[in-house]
């Protein structure tokens, strides 16, 4: 396949997977709406959702490196979104002293930074495991 066309197709797949991931994460958050909070200049929420977007893209980049077809890349991207969701839910579960969602809504930048780091860090682990 023409490399320019292939690059464009990977680009389209990446946008689709990221959009699906963002919509799913928006549905997961019950105490606020991501885009409303970002519109209101909530940096903690922006960092959290930004980390998820970067995390999904990292997983997709590993998938492009290690798979031969666009379909395999899309499948691994979807799987990466699922694993990122699990990571988010575990992060919320393991922080028993406070609610991550509530802290993000209250603009706690420290929680936003940790949420960003969890998403990006685990994306490298998930991506590296793609074979």
N, C-alpha and C. Protein backbone atom coordinates (compact mmCIF):
# COMPACT_ATOMS: atom_id res chain seq x y z
N UNK A 1 0.85 -1.18 0.00
CA UNK A 1 0.00 0.00 0.00
C UNK A 1 0.89 1.24 0.00
N UNK A 2 0.42 2.27 -0.64
CA UNK A 2 1.13 3.54 -0.69
C UNK A 2 1.38 4.06 0.73
N UNK A 3 2.64 4.44 1.07
CA UNK A 3 2.93 4.87 2.43
C UNK A 3 2.15 6.11 2.87
N UNK A 4 1.84 7.01 1.94
CA UNK A 4 1.06 8.20 2.30
C UNK A 4 -0.38 7.81 2.66
N UNK A 5 -0.94 6.90 1.89
CA UNK A 5 -2.29 6.42 2.19
C UNK A 5 -2.31 5.65 3.51
N UNK A 6 -1.31 4.81 3.72
CA UNK A 6 -1.22 4.04 4.95
C UNK A 6 -1.11 4.96 6.17
N UNK A 7 -0.29 5.98 6.06
CA UNK A 7 -0.16 6.95 7.16
C UNK A 7 -1.50 7.63 7.43
N UNK A 8 -2.20 8.02 6.37
CA UNK A 8 -3.50 8.64 6.54
C UNK A 8 -4.49 7.70 7.21
N UNK A 9 -4.48 6.44 6.83
CA UNK A 9 -5.39 5.46 7.43
C UNK A 9 -5.08 5.26 8.92
N UNK A 10 -3.80 5.17 9.27
CA UNK A 10 -3.43 5.07 10.68
C UNK A 10 -3.88 6.32 11.45
N UNK A 11 -3.75 7.47 10.82
CA UNK A 11 -4.20 8.73 11.41
C UNK A 11 -5.70 8.69 11.70
N UNK A 12 -6.48 8.24 10.73
CA UNK A 12 -7.94 8.15 10.89
C UNK A 12 -8.29 7.16 12.00
N UNK A 13 -7.62 6.01 12.01
CA UNK A 13 -7.87 5.01 13.06
C UNK A 13 -7.54 5.59 14.43
N UNK A 14 -6.43 6.30 14.52
CA UNK A 14 -6.03 6.90 15.80
C UNK A 14 -7.09 7.89 16.29
N UNK A 15 -7.56 8.74 15.41
CA UNK A 15 -8.59 9.71 15.80
C UNK A 15 -9.85 8.97 16.26
N UNK A 16 -10.25 7.95 15.53
CA UNK A 16 -11.46 7.21 15.90
C UNK A 16 -11.30 6.55 17.26
N UNK A 17 -10.17 5.90 17.50
CA UNK A 17 -9.95 5.21 18.78
C UNK A 17 -9.89 6.22 19.92
N UNK A 18 -9.21 7.34 19.71
CA UNK A 18 -9.13 8.37 20.75
C UNK A 18 -10.52 8.93 21.04
N UNK A 19 -11.30 9.21 20.01
CA UNK A 19 -12.66 9.74 20.23
C UNK A 19 -13.53 8.76 21.00
N UNK A 20 -13.46 7.49 20.63
CA UNK A 20 -14.23 6.47 21.36
C UNK A 20 -13.76 6.43 22.82
N UNK A 21 -12.46 6.46 23.03
CA UNK A 21 -11.92 6.43 24.39
C UNK A 21 -12.38 7.62 25.20
N UNK A 22 -12.34 8.81 24.61
CA UNK A 22 -12.76 10.02 25.32
C UNK A 22 -14.25 9.95 25.67
N UNK A 23 -15.06 9.46 24.76
CA UNK A 23 -16.50 9.33 25.04
C UNK A 23 -16.72 8.34 26.18
N UNK A 24 -16.00 7.23 26.16
CA UNK A 24 -16.15 6.24 27.23
C UNK A 24 -15.72 6.82 28.57
N UNK A 25 -14.60 7.54 28.59
CA UNK A 25 -14.17 8.15 29.85
C UNK A 25 -15.16 9.20 30.33
N UNK A 26 -15.76 9.92 29.40
CA UNK A 26 -16.78 10.90 29.78
C UNK A 26 -17.97 10.20 30.44
N UNK A 27 -18.33 9.02 29.95
CA UNK A 27 -19.43 8.26 30.54
C UNK A 27 -19.05 7.67 31.90
N UNK A 28 -17.75 7.37 32.08
CA UNK A 28 -17.30 6.80 33.36
C UNK A 28 -17.34 7.81 34.50
N UNK A 29 -17.09 9.06 34.20
CA UNK A 29 -17.08 10.07 35.26
C UNK A 29 -18.51 10.48 35.56
N UNK A 30 -18.91 10.25 36.79
CA UNK A 30 -20.30 10.51 37.19
C UNK A 30 -20.46 11.86 37.89
N UNK A 31 -19.38 12.37 38.51
CA UNK A 31 -19.51 13.56 39.35
C UNK A 31 -19.26 14.86 38.60
N UNK A 32 -18.81 14.76 37.35
CA UNK A 32 -18.61 15.95 36.52
C UNK A 32 -18.57 15.51 35.06
N UNK A 33 -18.62 16.48 34.18
CA UNK A 33 -18.48 16.24 32.75
C UNK A 33 -17.15 16.86 32.32
N UNK A 34 -16.31 16.03 31.72
CA UNK A 34 -14.94 16.45 31.38
C UNK A 34 -14.90 17.76 30.61
N UNK A 35 -15.64 17.84 29.52
CA UNK A 35 -15.52 19.01 28.65
C UNK A 35 -16.11 20.25 29.28
N UNK A 36 -17.10 20.10 30.13
CA UNK A 36 -17.62 21.25 30.87
C UNK A 36 -16.54 21.76 31.83
N UNK A 37 -15.89 20.86 32.54
CA UNK A 37 -14.84 21.27 33.47
C UNK A 37 -13.65 21.90 32.75
N UNK A 38 -13.30 21.35 31.60
CA UNK A 38 -12.20 21.94 30.83
C UNK A 38 -12.59 23.33 30.34
N UNK A 39 -13.84 23.49 29.90
CA UNK A 39 -14.32 24.81 29.49
C UNK A 39 -14.26 25.80 30.65
N UNK A 40 -14.45 25.30 31.85
CA UNK A 40 -14.39 26.15 33.05
C UNK A 40 -12.95 26.29 33.57
N UNK A 41 -11.97 25.88 32.78
CA UNK A 41 -10.54 26.03 33.09
C UNK A 41 -10.09 25.17 34.27
N UNK A 42 -10.67 23.97 34.40
CA UNK A 42 -10.26 23.05 35.45
C UNK A 42 -9.03 22.28 34.96
N UNK A 43 -7.86 22.74 35.40
CA UNK A 43 -6.59 22.15 34.95
C UNK A 43 -6.42 20.71 35.42
N UNK A 44 -6.96 20.37 36.57
CA UNK A 44 -6.83 19.00 37.08
C UNK A 44 -7.55 18.02 36.14
N UNK A 45 -8.74 18.36 35.73
CA UNK A 45 -9.50 17.50 34.80
C UNK A 45 -8.80 17.48 33.44
N UNK A 46 -8.30 18.63 33.00
CA UNK A 46 -7.59 18.68 31.71
C UNK A 46 -6.37 17.77 31.72
N UNK A 47 -5.62 17.77 32.81
CA UNK A 47 -4.47 16.87 32.91
C UNK A 47 -4.91 15.41 32.89
N UNK A 48 -5.97 15.10 33.61
CA UNK A 48 -6.45 13.73 33.67
C UNK A 48 -6.88 13.23 32.30
N UNK A 49 -7.72 13.99 31.60
CA UNK A 49 -8.18 13.53 30.28
C UNK A 49 -7.05 13.61 29.26
N UNK A 50 -6.16 14.59 29.40
CA UNK A 50 -4.99 14.68 28.52
C UNK A 50 -4.10 13.45 28.65
N UNK A 51 -3.92 12.97 29.88
CA UNK A 51 -3.13 11.76 30.10
C UNK A 51 -3.76 10.54 29.45
N UNK A 52 -5.06 10.49 29.48
CA UNK A 52 -5.76 9.36 28.83
C UNK A 52 -5.59 9.43 27.31
N UNK A 53 -5.70 10.62 26.75
CA UNK A 53 -5.52 10.78 25.30
C UNK A 53 -4.09 10.40 24.90
N UNK A 54 -3.11 10.92 25.61
CA UNK A 54 -1.71 10.58 25.31
C UNK A 54 -1.48 9.09 25.52
N UNK A 55 -2.05 8.54 26.58
CA UNK A 55 -1.90 7.11 26.84
C UNK A 55 -2.44 6.25 25.72
N UNK A 56 -3.61 6.59 25.21
CA UNK A 56 -4.18 5.84 24.09
C UNK A 56 -3.27 5.96 22.86
N UNK A 57 -2.75 7.14 22.61
CA UNK A 57 -1.86 7.34 21.46
C UNK A 57 -0.56 6.57 21.60
N UNK A 58 -0.04 6.48 22.81
CA UNK A 58 1.17 5.68 23.04
C UNK A 58 0.90 4.21 22.71
N UNK A 59 -0.21 3.71 23.20
CA UNK A 59 -0.57 2.31 22.91
C UNK A 59 -0.73 2.11 21.41
N UNK A 60 -1.38 3.04 20.73
CA UNK A 60 -1.53 2.93 19.28
C UNK A 60 -0.19 2.95 18.56
N UNK A 61 0.74 3.78 19.04
CA UNK A 61 2.05 3.84 18.38
C UNK A 61 2.79 2.51 18.50
N UNK A 62 2.75 1.89 19.68
CA UNK A 62 3.35 0.56 19.84
C UNK A 62 2.66 -0.44 18.92
N UNK A 63 1.34 -0.33 18.81
CA UNK A 63 0.60 -1.24 17.96
C UNK A 63 0.99 -1.10 16.49
N UNK A 64 1.18 0.12 16.04
CA UNK A 64 1.61 0.35 14.66
C UNK A 64 2.99 -0.26 14.42
N UNK A 65 3.88 -0.12 15.40
CA UNK A 65 5.23 -0.68 15.26
C UNK A 65 5.21 -2.21 15.17
N UNK A 66 4.29 -2.85 15.90
CA UNK A 66 4.36 -4.30 16.08
C UNK A 66 3.33 -5.10 15.31
N UNK A 67 2.44 -4.44 14.58
CA UNK A 67 1.42 -5.18 13.84
C UNK A 67 1.49 -4.85 12.36
N UNK A 68 0.98 -5.78 11.57
CA UNK A 68 1.09 -5.65 10.12
C UNK A 68 -0.12 -5.02 9.45
N UNK A 69 -1.23 -4.98 10.15
CA UNK A 69 -2.43 -4.48 9.48
C UNK A 69 -3.09 -3.36 10.29
N UNK A 70 -3.88 -2.59 9.58
CA UNK A 70 -4.64 -1.52 10.23
C UNK A 70 -5.67 -2.10 11.18
N UNK A 71 -6.25 -3.23 10.81
CA UNK A 71 -7.25 -3.88 11.67
C UNK A 71 -6.63 -4.28 13.00
N UNK A 72 -5.42 -4.87 12.97
CA UNK A 72 -4.75 -5.25 14.22
C UNK A 72 -4.46 -4.01 15.08
N UNK A 73 -4.07 -2.92 14.44
CA UNK A 73 -3.82 -1.67 15.16
C UNK A 73 -5.09 -1.19 15.84
N UNK A 74 -6.21 -1.23 15.14
CA UNK A 74 -7.48 -0.79 15.72
C UNK A 74 -7.90 -1.68 16.88
N UNK A 75 -7.71 -2.98 16.73
CA UNK A 75 -8.06 -3.93 17.81
C UNK A 75 -7.21 -3.66 19.04
N UNK A 76 -5.89 -3.52 18.85
CA UNK A 76 -5.02 -3.22 20.00
C UNK A 76 -5.36 -1.87 20.61
N UNK A 77 -5.73 -0.91 19.76
CA UNK A 77 -6.13 0.40 20.29
C UNK A 77 -7.36 0.29 21.16
N UNK A 78 -8.36 -0.47 20.71
CA UNK A 78 -9.56 -0.69 21.52
C UNK A 78 -9.25 -1.41 22.82
N UNK A 79 -8.37 -2.40 22.72
CA UNK A 79 -7.95 -3.12 23.93
C UNK A 79 -7.23 -2.18 24.89
N UNK A 80 -6.42 -1.30 24.33
CA UNK A 80 -5.73 -0.30 25.16
C UNK A 80 -6.69 0.61 25.88
N UNK A 81 -7.77 1.01 25.21
CA UNK A 81 -8.79 1.85 25.85
C UNK A 81 -9.41 1.10 27.02
N UNK A 82 -9.72 -0.17 26.82
CA UNK A 82 -10.30 -0.97 27.91
C UNK A 82 -9.33 -1.05 29.08
N UNK A 83 -8.06 -1.30 28.81
CA UNK A 83 -7.07 -1.39 29.90
C UNK A 83 -6.88 -0.04 30.58
N UNK A 84 -6.95 1.05 29.84
CA UNK A 84 -6.87 2.38 30.45
C UNK A 84 -8.07 2.64 31.36
N UNK A 85 -9.26 2.17 30.95
CA UNK A 85 -10.45 2.30 31.80
C UNK A 85 -10.27 1.52 33.10
N UNK A 86 -9.76 0.31 32.98
CA UNK A 86 -9.51 -0.51 34.16
C UNK A 86 -8.52 0.19 35.08
N UNK A 87 -7.47 0.76 34.50
CA UNK A 87 -6.47 1.48 35.30
C UNK A 87 -7.12 2.65 36.05
N UNK A 88 -7.99 3.39 35.36
CA UNK A 88 -8.67 4.51 35.99
C UNK A 88 -9.55 4.05 37.16
N UNK A 89 -10.30 2.98 36.93
CA UNK A 89 -11.17 2.46 37.99
C UNK A 89 -10.36 1.92 39.17
N UNK A 90 -9.23 1.27 38.88
CA UNK A 90 -8.35 0.79 39.97
C UNK A 90 -7.73 1.96 40.73
N UNK A 91 -7.36 3.00 40.02
CA UNK A 91 -6.81 4.21 40.66
C UNK A 91 -7.84 4.79 41.62
N UNK A 92 -9.08 4.86 41.18
CA UNK A 92 -10.15 5.36 42.06
C UNK A 92 -10.35 4.42 43.24
N UNK A 93 -10.31 3.12 43.00
CA UNK A 93 -10.53 2.12 44.05
C UNK A 93 -9.41 2.15 45.11
N UNK A 94 -8.17 2.27 44.66
CA UNK A 94 -7.03 2.18 45.58
C UNK A 94 -6.75 3.47 46.35
N UNK A 95 -7.39 4.55 45.97
CA UNK A 95 -7.25 5.78 46.75
C UNK A 95 -8.46 5.89 47.68
N UNK A 96 -8.42 5.09 48.72
CA UNK A 96 -9.57 4.99 49.62
C UNK A 96 -9.74 6.21 50.52
N UNK A 97 -8.68 7.00 50.69
CA UNK A 97 -8.77 8.17 51.56
C UNK A 97 -9.56 9.31 50.94
N UNK A 98 -9.71 9.28 49.62
CA UNK A 98 -10.46 10.32 48.93
C UNK A 98 -10.95 9.80 47.59
N UNK A 99 -11.91 10.50 47.03
CA UNK A 99 -12.43 10.15 45.71
C UNK A 99 -11.65 10.93 44.65
N UNK A 100 -11.05 10.21 43.72
CA UNK A 100 -10.30 10.86 42.64
C UNK A 100 -11.24 11.80 41.88
N UNK A 101 -12.42 11.30 41.54
CA UNK A 101 -13.38 12.13 40.80
C UNK A 101 -13.71 13.41 41.53
N UNK A 102 -13.99 13.32 42.83
CA UNK A 102 -14.31 14.52 43.60
C UNK A 102 -13.14 15.48 43.64
N UNK A 103 -11.94 14.95 43.82
CA UNK A 103 -10.75 15.81 43.88
C UNK A 103 -10.49 16.49 42.54
N UNK A 104 -10.71 15.78 41.45
CA UNK A 104 -10.54 16.40 40.13
C UNK A 104 -11.59 17.49 39.93
N UNK A 105 -12.82 17.21 40.32
CA UNK A 105 -13.87 18.22 40.21
C UNK A 105 -13.55 19.45 41.05
N UNK A 106 -12.91 19.23 42.19
CA UNK A 106 -12.55 20.34 43.08
C UNK A 106 -11.24 21.01 42.67
N UNK A 107 -10.74 20.66 41.48
CA UNK A 107 -9.56 21.30 40.89
C UNK A 107 -8.26 20.99 41.62
N UNK A 108 -8.17 19.81 42.22
CA UNK A 108 -6.95 19.40 42.91
C UNK A 108 -5.91 19.03 41.86
N UNK A 109 -4.98 19.95 41.62
CA UNK A 109 -3.99 19.77 40.57
C UNK A 109 -3.07 18.59 40.84
N UNK A 110 -2.77 18.33 42.10
CA UNK A 110 -1.91 17.19 42.44
C UNK A 110 -2.55 15.88 41.99
N UNK A 111 -3.83 15.73 42.20
CA UNK A 111 -4.54 14.52 41.76
C UNK A 111 -4.58 14.46 40.24
N UNK A 112 -4.75 15.59 39.59
CA UNK A 112 -4.72 15.62 38.13
C UNK A 112 -3.38 15.18 37.58
N UNK A 113 -2.30 15.60 38.22
CA UNK A 113 -0.96 15.21 37.77
C UNK A 113 -0.75 13.71 37.97
N UNK A 114 -1.15 13.19 39.12
CA UNK A 114 -0.99 11.75 39.37
C UNK A 114 -1.85 10.95 38.39
N UNK A 115 -3.07 11.41 38.12
CA UNK A 115 -3.93 10.73 37.16
C UNK A 115 -3.27 10.71 35.77
N UNK A 116 -2.69 11.84 35.37
CA UNK A 116 -1.96 11.93 34.10
C UNK A 116 -0.83 10.91 34.08
N UNK A 117 -0.05 10.86 35.15
CA UNK A 117 1.10 9.95 35.23
C UNK A 117 0.67 8.48 35.20
N UNK A 118 -0.40 8.15 35.87
CA UNK A 118 -0.90 6.77 35.86
C UNK A 118 -1.27 6.38 34.43
N UNK A 119 -1.99 7.24 33.73
CA UNK A 119 -2.41 6.92 32.36
C UNK A 119 -1.22 6.78 31.42
N UNK A 120 -0.30 7.71 31.46
CA UNK A 120 0.84 7.68 30.55
C UNK A 120 1.80 6.55 30.92
N UNK A 121 2.07 6.40 32.22
CA UNK A 121 2.98 5.33 32.65
C UNK A 121 2.49 3.95 32.28
N UNK A 122 1.22 3.69 32.56
CA UNK A 122 0.67 2.38 32.23
C UNK A 122 0.54 2.18 30.72
N UNK A 123 0.39 3.26 29.97
CA UNK A 123 0.35 3.14 28.51
C UNK A 123 1.66 2.58 27.97
N UNK A 124 2.78 2.99 28.56
CA UNK A 124 4.07 2.44 28.13
C UNK A 124 4.16 0.95 28.46
N UNK A 125 3.65 0.55 29.61
CA UNK A 125 3.67 -0.87 29.98
C UNK A 125 2.75 -1.66 29.05
N UNK A 126 1.55 -1.16 28.82
CA UNK A 126 0.62 -1.84 27.92
C UNK A 126 1.21 -1.90 26.52
N UNK A 127 1.72 -0.78 26.05
CA UNK A 127 2.30 -0.74 24.71
C UNK A 127 3.47 -1.68 24.54
N UNK A 128 4.35 -1.73 25.53
CA UNK A 128 5.52 -2.61 25.45
C UNK A 128 5.13 -4.07 25.43
N UNK A 129 3.97 -4.39 25.96
CA UNK A 129 3.55 -5.80 26.00
C UNK A 129 2.90 -6.24 24.69
N UNK A 130 2.63 -5.32 23.78
CA UNK A 130 2.03 -5.67 22.49
C UNK A 130 3.05 -6.43 21.66
N UNK A 131 2.63 -7.57 21.16
CA UNK A 131 3.56 -8.35 20.33
C UNK A 131 2.92 -8.76 19.02
